Amino acid sequence: MKIAELRKMHALVEAKYEVRRQAFGVLLKKENELRAEIKRLDKQAEEARKRSDPDMQTIGADVIWKSWVGNAKVSLNNKLSLVLAEKEQHVRQVKQAYGKVLATEALIKELSLQGRKSSHEAMLTSAIETTLYKLR
């Protein structure tokens, strides 16, 4: 394989890696937003518990509130579990894409080194032949 072809391949795998990395970033953002929303709900529920109003208890509003908070948390936790499952899949994809980037970089380095070695050998051979020709 020629080094120019390998560089094109490297650009392609690097672009794919970047796409995967950005998609992973979106998932991380979703995860953080969901975790923040759960935390906010917990904080609101705790504050409501501390400020428990006897009138609200009398009409049952506190029970409705607690039920709503519970349902909201269940919904958010379900969404979070889906995001975490998707995140796990993306982690593997990002690792695999990054591995391909590293592999193509190693191949380019190796091919460049072989090219330089061949070039040095050709120059050495040429210098020896020139020296031998002058000695005749």
N, C-alpha and C. Protein backbone atom coordinates (compact mmCIF):
# COMPACT_ATOMS: atom_id res chain seq x y z
N MET A 1 0.85 -1.17 0.00
CA MET A 1 0.00 0.00 0.00
C MET A 1 0.89 1.23 0.00
N LYS A 2 0.52 2.20 -0.80
CA LYS A 2 1.31 3.43 -0.89
C LYS A 2 0.96 4.35 0.27
N ILE A 3 1.93 5.19 0.61
CA ILE A 3 1.73 6.09 1.75
C ILE A 3 0.61 7.09 1.49
N ALA A 4 0.43 7.52 0.23
CA ALA A 4 -0.66 8.46 -0.09
C ALA A 4 -2.02 7.82 0.17
N GLU A 5 -2.16 6.56 -0.19
CA GLU A 5 -3.41 5.84 0.06
C GLU A 5 -3.64 5.68 1.56
N LEU A 6 -2.56 5.40 2.27
CA LEU A 6 -2.65 5.22 3.71
C LEU A 6 -3.03 6.53 4.41
N ARG A 7 -2.53 7.64 3.90
CA ARG A 7 -2.89 8.95 4.46
C ARG A 7 -4.37 9.25 4.22
N LYS A 8 -4.87 8.87 3.05
CA LYS A 8 -6.31 9.06 2.77
C LYS A 8 -7.14 8.20 3.72
N MET A 9 -6.70 6.96 3.93
CA MET A 9 -7.40 6.06 4.84
C MET A 9 -7.38 6.65 6.26
N HIS A 10 -6.23 7.19 6.64
CA HIS A 10 -6.11 7.79 7.96
C HIS A 10 -7.07 8.96 8.12
N ALA A 11 -7.17 9.79 7.11
CA ALA A 11 -8.10 10.93 7.17
C ALA A 11 -9.54 10.44 7.32
N LEU A 12 -9.87 9.36 6.63
CA LEU A 12 -11.21 8.81 6.70
C LEU A 12 -11.51 8.24 8.10
N VAL A 13 -10.61 7.45 8.64
CA VAL A 13 -10.87 6.87 9.96
C VAL A 13 -10.85 7.94 11.04
N GLU A 14 -10.05 8.98 10.83
CA GLU A 14 -10.03 10.08 11.79
C GLU A 14 -11.36 10.85 11.75
N ALA A 15 -11.91 11.03 10.55
CA ALA A 15 -13.21 11.70 10.42
C ALA A 15 -14.31 10.86 11.08
N LYS A 16 -14.28 9.55 10.86
CA LYS A 16 -15.27 8.68 11.50
C LYS A 16 -15.13 8.72 13.02
N TYR A 17 -13.91 8.75 13.50
CA TYR A 17 -13.67 8.84 14.94
C TYR A 17 -14.26 10.14 15.49
N GLU A 18 -14.04 11.23 14.79
CA GLU A 18 -14.55 12.52 15.24
C GLU A 18 -16.08 12.52 15.30
N VAL A 19 -16.71 11.90 14.32
CA VAL A 19 -18.18 11.81 14.32
C VAL A 19 -18.65 11.01 15.53
N ARG A 20 -18.01 9.89 15.79
CA ARG A 20 -18.37 9.05 16.93
C ARG A 20 -18.14 9.79 18.25
N ARG A 21 -17.04 10.53 18.31
CA ARG A 21 -16.71 11.27 19.53
C ARG A 21 -17.75 12.37 19.80
N GLN A 22 -18.18 13.04 18.73
CA GLN A 22 -19.19 14.08 18.89
C GLN A 22 -20.53 13.49 19.31
N ALA A 23 -20.90 12.36 18.74
CA ALA A 23 -22.15 11.70 19.13
C ALA A 23 -22.08 11.27 20.60
N PHE A 24 -20.91 10.83 21.02
CA PHE A 24 -20.71 10.46 22.41
C PHE A 24 -20.86 11.69 23.31
N GLY A 25 -20.35 12.81 22.85
CA GLY A 25 -20.47 14.06 23.62
C GLY A 25 -21.92 14.46 23.82
N VAL A 26 -22.75 14.26 22.79
CA VAL A 26 -24.17 14.55 22.89
C VAL A 26 -24.82 13.66 23.95
N LEU A 27 -24.45 12.39 23.95
CA LEU A 27 -24.99 11.48 24.97
C LEU A 27 -24.57 11.88 26.38
N LEU A 28 -23.32 12.29 26.53
CA LEU A 28 -22.86 12.73 27.85
C LEU A 28 -23.65 13.95 28.31
N LYS A 29 -23.94 14.84 27.38
CA LYS A 29 -24.72 16.03 27.72
C LYS A 29 -26.12 15.63 28.18
N LYS A 30 -26.75 14.70 27.44
CA LYS A 30 -28.08 14.21 27.83
C LYS A 30 -28.04 13.58 29.22
N GLU A 31 -27.02 12.75 29.44
CA GLU A 31 -26.89 12.09 30.75
C GLU A 31 -26.77 13.12 31.87
N ASN A 32 -25.92 14.12 31.67
CA ASN A 32 -25.73 15.14 32.69
C ASN A 32 -27.00 15.94 32.94
N GLU A 33 -27.75 16.23 31.88
CA GLU A 33 -29.00 16.96 32.03
C GLU A 33 -30.01 16.14 32.83
N LEU A 34 -30.11 14.86 32.52
CA LEU A 34 -31.05 13.99 33.25
C LEU A 34 -30.65 13.86 34.72
N ARG A 35 -29.37 13.69 34.97
CA ARG A 35 -28.91 13.60 36.36
C ARG A 35 -29.18 14.90 37.13
N ALA A 36 -28.99 16.03 36.45
CA ALA A 36 -29.26 17.32 37.09
C ALA A 36 -30.75 17.47 37.38
N GLU A 37 -31.59 17.02 36.47
CA GLU A 37 -33.04 17.10 36.67
C GLU A 37 -33.48 16.21 37.84
N ILE A 38 -32.91 15.03 37.94
CA ILE A 38 -33.22 14.14 39.07
C ILE A 38 -32.78 14.79 40.38
N LYS A 39 -31.60 15.36 40.37
CA LYS A 39 -31.09 16.03 41.56
C LYS A 39 -31.99 17.21 41.95
N ARG A 40 -32.44 17.97 40.96
CA ARG A 40 -33.33 19.11 41.21
C ARG A 40 -34.65 18.63 41.83
N LEU A 41 -35.19 17.55 41.29
CA LEU A 41 -36.44 16.99 41.84
C LEU A 41 -36.24 16.54 43.29
N ASP A 42 -35.13 15.88 43.55
CA ASP A 42 -34.84 15.44 44.92
C ASP A 42 -34.76 16.64 45.87
N LYS A 43 -34.11 17.69 45.40
CA LYS A 43 -33.97 18.89 46.22
C LYS A 43 -35.34 19.52 46.48
N GLN A 44 -36.18 19.60 45.44
CA GLN A 44 -37.52 20.17 45.61
C GLN A 44 -38.36 19.32 46.57
N ALA A 45 -38.25 18.01 46.46
CA ALA A 45 -39.01 17.12 47.34
C ALA A 45 -38.55 17.29 48.79
N GLU A 46 -37.25 17.42 48.97
CA GLU A 46 -36.71 17.61 50.32
C GLU A 46 -37.19 18.94 50.91
N GLU A 47 -37.16 19.98 50.10
CA GLU A 47 -37.62 21.29 50.57
C GLU A 47 -39.12 21.25 50.90
N ALA A 48 -39.89 20.58 50.08
CA ALA A 48 -41.34 20.46 50.34
C ALA A 48 -41.59 19.68 51.62
N ARG A 49 -40.79 18.66 51.86
CA ARG A 49 -40.93 17.87 53.09
C ARG A 49 -40.63 18.72 54.33
N LYS A 50 -39.60 19.57 54.21
CA LYS A 50 -39.22 20.43 55.33
C LYS A 50 -40.29 21.49 55.61
N ARG A 51 -40.92 22.00 54.54
CA ARG A 51 -41.93 23.06 54.69
C ARG A 51 -43.34 22.48 54.72
N SER A 52 -43.49 21.32 55.18
CA SER A 52 -44.78 20.65 55.19
C SER A 52 -45.86 21.55 55.79
N ASP A 53 -46.87 21.85 54.99
CA ASP A 53 -47.98 22.73 55.39
C ASP A 53 -49.17 21.87 55.83
N PRO A 54 -49.69 22.08 57.04
CA PRO A 54 -50.82 21.28 57.52
C PRO A 54 -52.07 21.40 56.64
N ASP A 55 -52.28 22.56 56.04
CA ASP A 55 -53.44 22.74 55.15
C ASP A 55 -53.31 21.85 53.92
N MET A 56 -52.10 21.75 53.40
CA MET A 56 -51.87 20.91 52.23
C MET A 56 -52.09 19.43 52.58
N GLN A 57 -51.70 19.07 53.78
CA GLN A 57 -51.92 17.69 54.22
C GLN A 57 -53.41 17.40 54.37
N THR A 58 -54.14 18.37 54.83
CA THR A 58 -55.57 18.19 55.05
C THR A 58 -56.30 17.90 53.75
N ILE A 59 -55.94 18.61 52.68
CA ILE A 59 -56.64 18.40 51.41
C ILE A 59 -55.98 17.32 50.54
N GLY A 60 -54.87 16.77 51.01
CA GLY A 60 -54.22 15.68 50.28
C GLY A 60 -53.26 16.14 49.19
N ALA A 61 -52.98 17.43 49.16
CA ALA A 61 -52.07 17.95 48.13
C ALA A 61 -50.66 17.40 48.29
N ASP A 62 -50.26 17.15 49.53
CA ASP A 62 -48.91 16.62 49.75
C ASP A 62 -48.78 15.22 49.17
N VAL A 63 -49.84 14.43 49.24
CA VAL A 63 -49.81 13.07 48.68
C VAL A 63 -49.74 13.15 47.16
N ILE A 64 -50.51 14.06 46.58
CA ILE A 64 -50.48 14.25 45.13
C ILE A 64 -49.09 14.70 44.69
N TRP A 65 -48.51 15.64 45.43
CA TRP A 65 -47.17 16.14 45.12
C TRP A 65 -46.14 15.01 45.17
N LYS A 66 -46.18 14.22 46.25
CA LYS A 66 -45.23 13.11 46.39
C LYS A 66 -45.41 12.09 45.27
N SER A 67 -46.63 11.85 44.89
CA SER A 67 -46.91 10.92 43.80
C SER A 67 -46.35 11.46 42.48
N TRP A 68 -46.55 12.75 42.27
CA TRP A 68 -46.04 13.36 41.03
C TRP A 68 -44.51 13.29 41.00
N VAL A 69 -43.87 13.62 42.12
CA VAL A 69 -42.40 13.57 42.19
C VAL A 69 -41.92 12.15 41.93
N GLY A 70 -42.59 11.17 42.54
CA GLY A 70 -42.21 9.77 42.33
C GLY A 70 -42.33 9.36 40.88
N ASN A 71 -43.44 9.73 40.25
CA ASN A 71 -43.63 9.38 38.83
C ASN A 71 -42.62 10.09 37.95
N ALA A 72 -42.35 11.35 38.26
CA ALA A 72 -41.36 12.11 37.47
C ALA A 72 -39.98 11.48 37.59
N LYS A 73 -39.62 11.05 38.80
CA LYS A 73 -38.30 10.42 39.00
C LYS A 73 -38.21 9.09 38.27
N VAL A 74 -39.29 8.32 38.29
CA VAL A 74 -39.30 7.04 37.57
C VAL A 74 -39.09 7.30 36.08
N SER A 75 -39.79 8.28 35.55
CA SER A 75 -39.66 8.61 34.13
C SER A 75 -38.24 9.06 33.79
N LEU A 76 -37.69 9.94 34.63
CA LEU A 76 -36.32 10.42 34.39
C LEU A 76 -35.30 9.29 34.51
N ASN A 77 -35.49 8.41 35.49
CA ASN A 77 -34.57 7.28 35.65
C ASN A 77 -34.66 6.31 34.48
N ASN A 78 -35.86 6.12 33.94
CA ASN A 78 -36.01 5.29 32.74
C ASN A 78 -35.26 5.90 31.56
N LYS A 79 -35.42 7.21 31.38
CA LYS A 79 -34.70 7.89 30.29
C LYS A 79 -33.19 7.79 30.50
N LEU A 80 -32.77 7.96 31.75
CA LEU A 80 -31.34 7.88 32.07
C LEU A 80 -30.80 6.48 31.79
N SER A 81 -31.56 5.46 32.11
CA SER A 81 -31.09 4.09 31.86
C SER A 81 -30.94 3.83 30.37
N LEU A 82 -31.84 4.38 29.57
CA LEU A 82 -31.72 4.23 28.11
C LEU A 82 -30.48 4.96 27.59
N VAL A 83 -30.25 6.15 28.11
CA VAL A 83 -29.06 6.91 27.70
C VAL A 83 -27.79 6.18 28.12
N LEU A 84 -27.78 5.61 29.31
CA LEU A 84 -26.59 4.88 29.78
C LEU A 84 -26.33 3.63 28.95
N ALA A 85 -27.39 2.95 28.53
CA ALA A 85 -27.22 1.77 27.67
C ALA A 85 -26.65 2.19 26.32
N GLU A 86 -27.18 3.29 25.80
CA GLU A 86 -26.68 3.79 24.51
C GLU A 86 -25.23 4.28 24.66
N LYS A 87 -24.94 4.88 25.80
CA LYS A 87 -23.59 5.37 26.07
C LYS A 87 -22.59 4.22 26.08
N GLU A 88 -22.98 3.11 26.70
CA GLU A 88 -22.10 1.95 26.74
C GLU A 88 -21.75 1.47 25.33
N GLN A 89 -22.74 1.46 24.48
CA GLN A 89 -22.52 1.05 23.09
C GLN A 89 -21.59 2.05 22.39
N HIS A 90 -21.80 3.33 22.63
CA HIS A 90 -20.97 4.36 22.00
C HIS A 90 -19.53 4.31 22.50
N VAL A 91 -19.35 3.94 23.76
CA VAL A 91 -17.99 3.83 24.29
C VAL A 91 -17.20 2.82 23.47
N ARG A 92 -17.82 1.68 23.20
CA ARG A 92 -17.14 0.65 22.39
C ARG A 92 -16.84 1.17 20.99
N GLN A 93 -17.80 1.88 20.41
CA GLN A 93 -17.60 2.40 19.05
C GLN A 93 -16.50 3.45 19.01
N VAL A 94 -16.46 4.32 20.02
CA VAL A 94 -15.42 5.35 20.07
C VAL A 94 -14.05 4.70 20.25
N LYS A 95 -13.97 3.70 21.13
CA LYS A 95 -12.69 2.99 21.34
C LYS A 95 -12.23 2.31 20.05
N GLN A 96 -13.17 1.67 19.37
CA GLN A 96 -12.82 0.99 18.13
C GLN A 96 -12.35 1.99 17.07
N ALA A 97 -13.07 3.10 16.95
CA ALA A 97 -12.69 4.13 15.97
C ALA A 97 -11.32 4.71 16.31
N TYR A 98 -11.07 4.94 17.59
CA TYR A 98 -9.77 5.47 18.00
C TYR A 98 -8.66 4.46 17.74
N GLY A 99 -8.95 3.20 17.94
CA GLY A 99 -7.98 2.15 17.64
C GLY A 99 -7.59 2.14 16.17
N LYS A 100 -8.57 2.38 15.31
CA LYS A 100 -8.28 2.45 13.87
C LYS A 100 -7.40 3.65 13.55
N VAL A 101 -7.66 4.77 14.24
CA VAL A 101 -6.82 5.96 14.04
C VAL A 101 -5.38 5.64 14.44
N LEU A 102 -5.21 5.01 15.59
CA LEU A 102 -3.87 4.66 16.06
C LEU A 102 -3.19 3.67 15.12
N ALA A 103 -3.96 2.71 14.62
CA ALA A 103 -3.39 1.71 13.71
C ALA A 103 -2.91 2.34 12.41
N THR A 104 -3.73 3.23 11.84
CA THR A 104 -3.30 3.87 10.58
C THR A 104 -2.10 4.78 10.82
N GLU A 105 -2.06 5.44 11.99
CA GLU A 105 -0.89 6.28 12.30
C GLU A 105 0.36 5.42 12.41
N ALA A 106 0.23 4.26 13.03
CA ALA A 106 1.39 3.36 13.16
C ALA A 106 1.83 2.85 11.79
N LEU A 107 0.86 2.52 10.94
CA LEU A 107 1.21 2.06 9.59
C LEU A 107 1.90 3.15 8.78
N ILE A 108 1.42 4.38 8.89
CA ILE A 108 2.04 5.50 8.18
C ILE A 108 3.47 5.69 8.67
N LYS A 109 3.65 5.63 9.98
CA LYS A 109 4.98 5.79 10.56
C LYS A 109 5.92 4.69 10.07
N GLU A 110 5.41 3.46 10.09
CA GLU A 110 6.23 2.33 9.64
C GLU A 110 6.58 2.44 8.16
N LEU A 111 5.61 2.80 7.34
CA LEU A 111 5.84 2.92 5.89
C LEU A 111 6.80 4.07 5.61
N SER A 112 6.69 5.16 6.34
CA SER A 112 7.60 6.29 6.17
C SER A 112 9.01 5.89 6.54
N LEU A 113 9.12 5.15 7.63
CA LEU A 113 10.43 4.68 8.07
C LEU A 113 11.05 3.75 7.04
N GLN A 114 10.25 2.84 6.49
CA GLN A 114 10.75 1.94 5.44
C GLN A 114 11.18 2.73 4.21
N GLY A 115 10.39 3.76 3.87
CA GLY A 115 10.74 4.59 2.70
C GLY A 115 12.05 5.32 2.91
N ARG A 116 12.24 5.87 4.11
CA ARG A 116 13.49 6.56 4.40
C ARG A 116 14.67 5.58 4.40
N LYS A 117 14.43 4.38 4.93
CA LYS A 117 15.48 3.37 4.96
C LYS A 117 15.87 2.98 3.54
N SER A 118 14.88 2.78 2.70
CA SER A 118 15.15 2.42 1.29
C SER A 118 15.89 3.56 0.59
N SER A 119 15.47 4.78 0.88
CA SER A 119 16.12 5.95 0.28
C SER A 119 17.58 6.05 0.73
N HIS A 120 17.83 5.83 2.00
CA HIS A 120 19.20 5.88 2.52
C HIS A 120 20.05 4.76 1.89
N GLU A 121 19.45 3.58 1.76
CA GLU A 121 20.19 2.46 1.14
C GLU A 121 20.50 2.78 -0.31
N ALA A 122 19.55 3.38 -1.02
CA ALA A 122 19.78 3.74 -2.43
C ALA A 122 20.88 4.79 -2.53
N MET A 123 20.86 5.77 -1.63
CA MET A 123 21.90 6.81 -1.65
C MET A 123 23.27 6.20 -1.32
N LEU A 124 23.31 5.27 -0.39
CA LEU A 124 24.57 4.62 -0.02
C LEU A 124 25.09 3.80 -1.18
N THR A 125 24.21 3.06 -1.82
CA THR A 125 24.60 2.25 -2.98
C THR A 125 25.13 3.15 -4.08
N SER A 126 24.44 4.27 -4.33
CA SER A 126 24.87 5.20 -5.36
C SER A 126 26.24 5.79 -5.03
N ALA A 127 26.44 6.13 -3.78
CA ALA A 127 27.73 6.70 -3.37
C ALA A 127 28.84 5.68 -3.53
N ILE A 128 28.58 4.43 -3.20
CA ILE A 128 29.58 3.37 -3.34
C ILE A 128 29.90 3.17 -4.81
N GLU A 129 28.85 3.10 -5.64
CA GLU A 129 29.07 2.90 -7.09
C GLU A 129 29.84 4.07 -7.69
N THR A 130 29.54 5.28 -7.27
CA THR A 130 30.24 6.47 -7.78
C THR A 130 31.72 6.40 -7.37
N THR A 131 31.94 6.04 -6.14
CA THR A 131 33.33 5.94 -5.64
C THR A 131 34.10 4.87 -6.40
N LEU A 132 33.46 3.71 -6.60
CA LEU A 132 34.11 2.63 -7.33
C LEU A 132 34.39 3.02 -8.79
N TYR A 133 33.46 3.76 -9.39
CA TYR A 133 33.62 4.18 -10.78
C TYR A 133 34.80 5.15 -10.91
N LYS A 134 34.95 6.05 -9.93
CA LYS A 134 36.04 7.02 -9.97
C LYS A 134 37.39 6.34 -9.74
N LEU A 135 37.38 5.25 -9.00
CA LEU A 135 38.62 4.53 -8.71
C LEU A 135 39.14 3.77 -9.92
N ARG A 136 38.34 3.50 -10.90
CA ARG A 136 38.74 2.72 -12.07
C ARG A 136 39.59 3.50 -12.99
